[in-house]
């Protein structure tokens, strides 16, 4: 998991990331990405019914 997080951090910062990953810096990056996000989760309207009887 640490390697995957380091790859993501490297992508967003444009820098090489040393392992072990600095957890505080990673959390700060995630907090910044969340704060700048423009994604709006759509509201689910109505009663959603899921039939799981045929899933197995």
N, C-alpha and C. Protein backbone atom coordinates (compact mmCIF):
# COMPACT_ATOMS: atom_id res chain seq x y z
N UNK A 1 0.82 -1.18 0.00
CA UNK A 1 0.00 0.00 0.00
C UNK A 1 0.88 1.26 0.00
N UNK A 2 1.98 1.18 0.75
CA UNK A 2 2.86 2.35 0.82
C UNK A 2 3.43 2.70 -0.55
N UNK A 3 3.77 1.68 -1.33
CA UNK A 3 4.32 1.92 -2.66
C UNK A 3 3.28 2.59 -3.56
N UNK A 4 2.04 2.12 -3.50
CA UNK A 4 0.97 2.73 -4.30
C UNK A 4 0.74 4.18 -3.88
N UNK A 5 0.75 4.45 -2.59
CA UNK A 5 0.58 5.82 -2.11
C UNK A 5 1.74 6.71 -2.54
N UNK A 6 2.94 6.15 -2.56
CA UNK A 6 4.11 6.91 -3.00
C UNK A 6 4.01 7.24 -4.48
N UNK A 7 3.49 6.31 -5.28
CA UNK A 7 3.30 6.56 -6.71
C UNK A 7 2.30 7.70 -6.91
N UNK A 8 1.20 7.66 -6.17
CA UNK A 8 0.20 8.73 -6.27
C UNK A 8 0.79 10.07 -5.83
N UNK A 9 1.53 10.06 -4.73
CA UNK A 9 2.12 11.30 -4.23
C UNK A 9 3.12 11.86 -5.23
N UNK A 10 3.91 10.99 -5.85
CA UNK A 10 4.87 11.42 -6.85
C UNK A 10 4.16 12.05 -8.05
N UNK A 11 3.05 11.45 -8.44
CA UNK A 11 2.28 11.98 -9.57
C UNK A 11 1.77 13.39 -9.27
N UNK A 12 1.19 13.57 -8.11
CA UNK A 12 0.57 14.86 -7.79
C UNK A 12 1.59 15.95 -7.44
N UNK A 13 2.76 15.56 -6.93
CA UNK A 13 3.77 16.56 -6.57
C UNK A 13 4.80 16.77 -7.67
N UNK A 14 4.92 15.80 -8.57
CA UNK A 14 5.92 15.90 -9.63
C UNK A 14 7.33 15.67 -9.13
N UNK A 15 7.46 15.03 -7.97
CA UNK A 15 8.77 14.79 -7.36
C UNK A 15 8.95 13.31 -7.05
N UNK A 16 10.21 12.89 -6.95
CA UNK A 16 10.51 11.54 -6.51
C UNK A 16 10.20 11.44 -5.01
N UNK A 17 9.66 10.33 -4.59
CA UNK A 17 9.28 10.13 -3.20
C UNK A 17 10.12 9.03 -2.60
N UNK A 18 10.75 9.30 -1.48
CA UNK A 18 11.55 8.30 -0.77
C UNK A 18 10.65 7.43 0.10
N UNK A 19 11.04 6.16 0.21
CA UNK A 19 10.35 5.25 1.12
C UNK A 19 11.21 5.08 2.35
N UNK A 20 10.69 4.97 3.52
CA UNK A 20 9.26 4.92 3.81
C UNK A 20 8.60 6.29 3.60
N UNK A 21 7.36 6.24 3.18
CA UNK A 21 6.58 7.43 2.87
C UNK A 21 6.34 8.26 4.12
N UNK A 22 6.47 9.57 3.99
CA UNK A 22 6.15 10.49 5.10
C UNK A 22 4.63 10.58 5.21
N UNK A 23 4.08 9.89 6.19
CA UNK A 23 2.63 9.82 6.36
C UNK A 23 1.98 11.18 6.55
N UNK A 24 2.62 12.07 7.29
CA UNK A 24 2.05 13.40 7.53
C UNK A 24 1.99 14.21 6.23
N UNK A 25 3.03 14.09 5.41
CA UNK A 25 3.03 14.80 4.14
C UNK A 25 1.97 14.24 3.20
N UNK A 26 1.76 12.92 3.25
CA UNK A 26 0.74 12.29 2.41
C UNK A 26 -0.66 12.75 2.83
N UNK A 27 -0.91 12.79 4.12
CA UNK A 27 -2.21 13.26 4.62
C UNK A 27 -2.42 14.71 4.23
N UNK A 28 -1.39 15.53 4.33
CA UNK A 28 -1.49 16.93 3.93
C UNK A 28 -1.82 17.06 2.45
N UNK A 29 -1.20 16.21 1.62
CA UNK A 29 -1.50 16.21 0.18
C UNK A 29 -2.95 15.83 -0.05
N UNK A 30 -3.43 14.77 0.60
CA UNK A 30 -4.82 14.36 0.44
C UNK A 30 -5.78 15.45 0.89
N UNK A 31 -5.48 16.08 2.02
CA UNK A 31 -6.34 17.17 2.51
C UNK A 31 -6.39 18.31 1.51
N UNK A 32 -5.26 18.64 0.89
CA UNK A 32 -5.21 19.70 -0.11
C UNK A 32 -6.02 19.32 -1.35
N UNK A 33 -5.87 18.07 -1.80
CA UNK A 33 -6.63 17.61 -2.97
C UNK A 33 -8.13 17.64 -2.70
N UNK A 34 -8.53 17.24 -1.51
CA UNK A 34 -9.94 17.26 -1.13
C UNK A 34 -10.46 18.69 -1.09
N UNK A 35 -9.68 19.60 -0.52
CA UNK A 35 -10.10 21.00 -0.40
C UNK A 35 -10.27 21.66 -1.77
N UNK A 36 -9.43 21.26 -2.75
CA UNK A 36 -9.50 21.87 -4.08
C UNK A 36 -10.42 21.13 -5.05
N UNK A 37 -10.99 20.02 -4.60
CA UNK A 37 -11.83 19.21 -5.47
C UNK A 37 -13.12 19.95 -5.83
N UNK A 38 -13.55 19.78 -7.07
CA UNK A 38 -14.81 20.38 -7.52
C UNK A 38 -15.87 19.31 -7.76
N UNK A 39 -15.55 18.06 -7.42
CA UNK A 39 -16.49 16.96 -7.61
C UNK A 39 -17.70 17.14 -6.70
N UNK A 40 -18.88 16.95 -7.27
CA UNK A 40 -20.11 17.00 -6.50
C UNK A 40 -20.80 15.65 -6.64
N UNK A 41 -20.96 14.98 -5.53
CA UNK A 41 -21.59 13.66 -5.54
C UNK A 41 -23.08 13.83 -5.84
N UNK A 42 -23.59 13.11 -6.85
CA UNK A 42 -25.01 13.25 -7.17
C UNK A 42 -25.88 12.66 -6.06
N UNK A 43 -27.01 13.27 -5.86
CA UNK A 43 -27.94 12.82 -4.83
C UNK A 43 -28.75 11.64 -5.39
N UNK A 44 -28.90 10.61 -4.58
CA UNK A 44 -29.71 9.46 -4.97
C UNK A 44 -31.17 9.80 -4.68
N UNK A 45 -31.98 9.73 -5.72
CA UNK A 45 -33.39 10.09 -5.58
C UNK A 45 -34.23 8.82 -5.68
N UNK A 46 -35.16 8.68 -4.76
CA UNK A 46 -36.06 7.53 -4.80
C UNK A 46 -35.55 6.38 -3.96
N UNK A 47 -36.34 5.35 -3.96
CA UNK A 47 -36.02 4.15 -3.19
C UNK A 47 -35.24 3.20 -4.09
N UNK A 48 -34.00 2.93 -3.73
CA UNK A 48 -33.16 2.04 -4.52
C UNK A 48 -33.30 0.63 -3.98
N UNK A 49 -33.71 -0.29 -4.85
CA UNK A 49 -33.85 -1.69 -4.42
C UNK A 49 -32.89 -2.53 -5.25
N UNK A 50 -32.11 -3.31 -4.55
CA UNK A 50 -31.13 -4.16 -5.22
C UNK A 50 -31.49 -5.62 -4.94
N UNK A 51 -31.62 -6.40 -6.00
CA UNK A 51 -31.94 -7.82 -5.88
C UNK A 51 -30.64 -8.62 -5.87
N UNK A 52 -30.24 -9.08 -4.70
CA UNK A 52 -29.00 -9.83 -4.56
C UNK A 52 -29.23 -11.34 -4.67
N UNK A 53 -30.46 -11.78 -4.91
CA UNK A 53 -30.76 -13.20 -4.92
C UNK A 53 -30.06 -13.95 -6.05
N UNK A 54 -29.71 -13.27 -7.15
CA UNK A 54 -29.07 -13.94 -8.28
C UNK A 54 -27.57 -13.63 -8.34
N UNK A 55 -27.00 -13.10 -7.28
CA UNK A 55 -25.60 -12.70 -7.31
C UNK A 55 -24.64 -13.83 -6.98
N UNK A 56 -25.18 -14.96 -6.52
CA UNK A 56 -24.30 -16.06 -6.13
C UNK A 56 -24.59 -17.28 -6.94
